Protein backbone atom coordinates (compact mmCIF):
# COMPACT_ATOMS: atom_id res chain seq x y z
CA UNK A 1 111.37 138.63 111.33
CA UNK A 2 108.38 138.50 113.52
CA UNK A 3 107.39 135.01 115.09
CA UNK A 4 104.40 133.25 114.43
CA UNK A 5 102.96 131.64 117.71
CA UNK A 6 101.47 128.02 117.10
CA UNK A 7 99.98 125.36 119.50
CA UNK A 8 100.08 121.80 118.08
CA UNK A 9 98.17 119.15 119.99
CA UNK A 10 99.83 115.69 119.63
CA UNK A 11 99.66 112.21 121.09
CA UNK A 12 103.21 110.63 122.25
CA UNK A 13 103.20 108.03 119.83
CA UNK A 14 106.14 107.19 117.07
CA UNK A 15 104.42 109.19 114.05
CA UNK A 16 104.46 112.57 116.01
CA UNK A 17 108.29 112.20 116.00
CA UNK A 18 108.48 115.15 112.93
CA UNK A 19 106.95 117.38 115.55
CA UNK A 20 109.27 116.50 118.29
CA UNK A 21 112.63 116.49 116.07
CA UNK A 22 111.72 119.95 114.60
CA UNK A 23 111.15 121.34 118.05
CA UNK A 24 114.13 119.77 119.33
CA UNK A 25 116.44 121.03 116.39
CA UNK A 26 114.93 124.69 116.05
CA UNK A 27 113.23 124.13 112.85
CA UNK A 28 110.34 125.86 113.77
CA UNK A 29 111.88 128.62 114.95
CA UNK A 30 114.09 129.06 111.74
CA UNK A 31 111.15 129.25 109.61
CA UNK A 32 109.19 132.12 111.81
CA UNK A 33 107.45 129.70 113.95
CA UNK A 34 107.28 129.97 117.89
CA UNK A 35 105.80 126.34 118.43
CA UNK A 36 104.14 124.70 121.73
CA UNK A 37 103.88 121.29 121.65
CA UNK A 38 100.79 120.32 123.60
CA UNK A 39 100.63 116.46 124.67
CA UNK A 40 97.06 115.44 124.33
CA UNK A 41 95.67 112.08 126.23
CA UNK A 42 93.75 110.96 123.36
CA UNK A 43 92.85 111.12 119.68
CA UNK A 44 89.55 113.05 120.67
CA UNK A 45 91.22 115.57 123.23
CA UNK A 46 93.37 116.41 120.13
CA UNK A 47 90.95 116.99 117.67
CA UNK A 48 88.68 118.85 120.08
CA UNK A 49 91.42 121.07 121.06
CA UNK A 50 91.66 121.91 117.31
CA UNK A 51 88.01 122.39 116.89
CA UNK A 52 87.93 124.74 119.84
CA UNK A 53 90.71 126.97 118.87
CA UNK A 54 92.71 126.09 121.83
CA UNK A 55 95.48 124.88 119.37
CA UNK A 56 95.85 126.00 115.79
CA UNK A 57 97.49 122.79 114.72
CA UNK A 58 97.02 118.73 115.59
CA UNK A 59 98.66 115.15 115.10
CA UNK A 60 95.43 113.33 114.27
CA UNK A 61 94.54 110.29 112.63
CA UNK A 62 94.37 110.45 109.09
CA UNK A 63 90.72 110.04 108.72
CA UNK A 64 89.79 112.72 111.29
CA UNK A 65 89.46 115.81 108.86
CA UNK A 66 87.39 113.83 106.61
CA UNK A 67 84.82 112.77 109.18
CA UNK A 68 84.76 116.07 110.95
CA UNK A 69 83.95 117.90 107.56
CA UNK A 70 81.08 114.87 107.16
CA UNK A 71 79.60 115.75 110.31
CA UNK A 72 80.68 112.56 111.95
CA UNK A 73 81.38 114.69 115.30
CA UNK A 74 78.40 116.27 115.35
CA UNK A 75 76.70 119.65 113.79
CA UNK A 76 79.43 121.73 115.56
CA UNK A 77 82.35 120.34 114.08
CA UNK A 78 84.48 122.84 111.90
CA UNK A 79 86.16 121.28 108.66
CA UNK A 80 89.80 120.90 108.84
CA UNK A 81 92.61 120.60 106.30
CA UNK A 82 95.38 117.91 106.13
CA UNK A 83 98.36 120.13 105.42
CA UNK A 84 100.72 117.32 105.23
CA UNK A 85 100.84 113.68 106.40
CA UNK A 86 103.17 113.04 109.42
CA UNK A 87 103.69 109.36 108.91
CA UNK A 88 102.67 106.05 107.45
CA UNK A 89 103.22 104.05 110.41
CA UNK A 90 101.14 101.28 111.18
CA UNK A 91 98.89 101.51 108.12
CA UNK A 92 98.52 98.02 107.33
CA UNK A 93 96.22 94.78 107.63
CA UNK A 94 98.37 92.56 109.52
CA UNK A 95 97.58 88.75 109.84
CA UNK A 96 98.46 86.21 112.34
CA UNK A 97 101.47 84.18 111.90
CA UNK A 98 99.61 81.00 110.80
CA UNK A 99 98.33 82.65 107.40
CA UNK A 100 101.90 83.31 106.67
CA UNK A 101 102.48 82.55 102.79
CA UNK A 102 98.40 82.25 102.17
CA UNK A 103 98.46 86.37 101.11
CA UNK A 104 101.08 87.61 98.47
CA UNK A 105 100.46 90.24 96.11
CA UNK A 106 96.29 89.41 95.73
CA UNK A 107 94.14 88.62 99.13
CA UNK A 108 91.27 87.23 96.67
CA UNK A 109 92.14 83.69 97.51
CA UNK A 110 92.18 83.99 101.32
CA UNK A 111 89.30 86.33 101.09
CA UNK A 112 87.24 83.39 99.81
CA UNK A 113 88.13 81.41 102.46
CA UNK A 114 87.09 84.19 104.77
CA UNK A 115 83.37 84.00 103.40
CA UNK A 116 83.43 79.99 103.12
CA UNK A 117 84.33 80.15 106.95
CA UNK A 118 81.64 82.45 107.77
CA UNK A 119 79.26 80.43 105.83
CA UNK A 120 80.34 77.30 107.79
CA UNK A 121 79.65 78.91 111.04
CA UNK A 122 83.53 79.27 111.52
CA UNK A 123 83.98 83.02 111.17
CA UNK A 124 87.46 84.51 111.06
CA UNK A 125 87.69 87.51 113.67
CA UNK A 126 88.95 90.94 112.46
CA UNK A 127 89.82 93.75 115.03
CA UNK A 128 89.80 97.30 114.53
CA UNK A 129 90.54 100.41 116.02
CA UNK A 130 87.60 103.02 116.55
CA UNK A 131 86.48 105.16 113.57
CA UNK A 132 87.89 107.25 111.88
CA UNK A 133 91.32 105.60 112.09
CA UNK A 134 93.65 104.46 109.54
CA UNK A 135 91.95 101.42 108.99
CA UNK A 136 89.39 103.60 107.36
CA UNK A 137 91.98 104.61 104.60
CA UNK A 138 92.49 101.06 103.87
CA UNK A 139 88.99 99.38 104.26
CA UNK A 140 86.78 102.65 103.14
CA UNK A 141 84.99 104.94 105.45
CA UNK A 142 82.22 102.38 106.90
CA UNK A 143 84.25 99.14 107.37
CA UNK A 144 82.27 97.82 110.01
CA UNK A 145 80.15 96.78 107.06
CA UNK A 146 83.04 94.81 105.72
CA UNK A 147 83.83 93.43 109.13
CA UNK A 148 80.35 92.59 110.28
CA UNK A 149 79.77 90.83 106.99
CA UNK A 150 83.08 88.35 107.83
CA UNK A 151 82.60 87.85 111.11
CA UNK A 152 79.42 86.64 113.22
CA UNK A 153 80.42 88.86 116.29
CA UNK A 154 78.86 92.15 115.96
CA UNK A 155 81.54 95.00 115.85
CA UNK A 156 81.58 97.57 118.68
CA UNK A 157 82.90 100.42 116.59
CA UNK A 158 80.64 102.72 114.51
């Protein structure tokens, strides 16, 4: 069997574990692949390596292929596909401990309080990673519309 060479860009985070384990245990080779794991310094670098052809696959934030296809990264960006998801690690909205018990299976009551606080001039502040991170999947493709409508602080995202 001839081996197919594959260069995969990744960030050294917990959700790259399937790639590292597959490499260390010889799973890629068993399925006919000669894989080189290429450590990238940032999500942008991993995406740019993939788009430039420097690698054939990349460990990316879930929303990156969608954003790329929609032209979010400029007109030269190529459409990308998502053949598999490595992990769902960290895909959550996390609240401070002081809010424990206030949100169970339905956050509507807490949402009402958030908007009341905003209207009273005491906004709740939310933090968010840059687009198109995992929160895009949770909050939608333009979450700053939600975040800036809740907080009086201008979001630096988007």
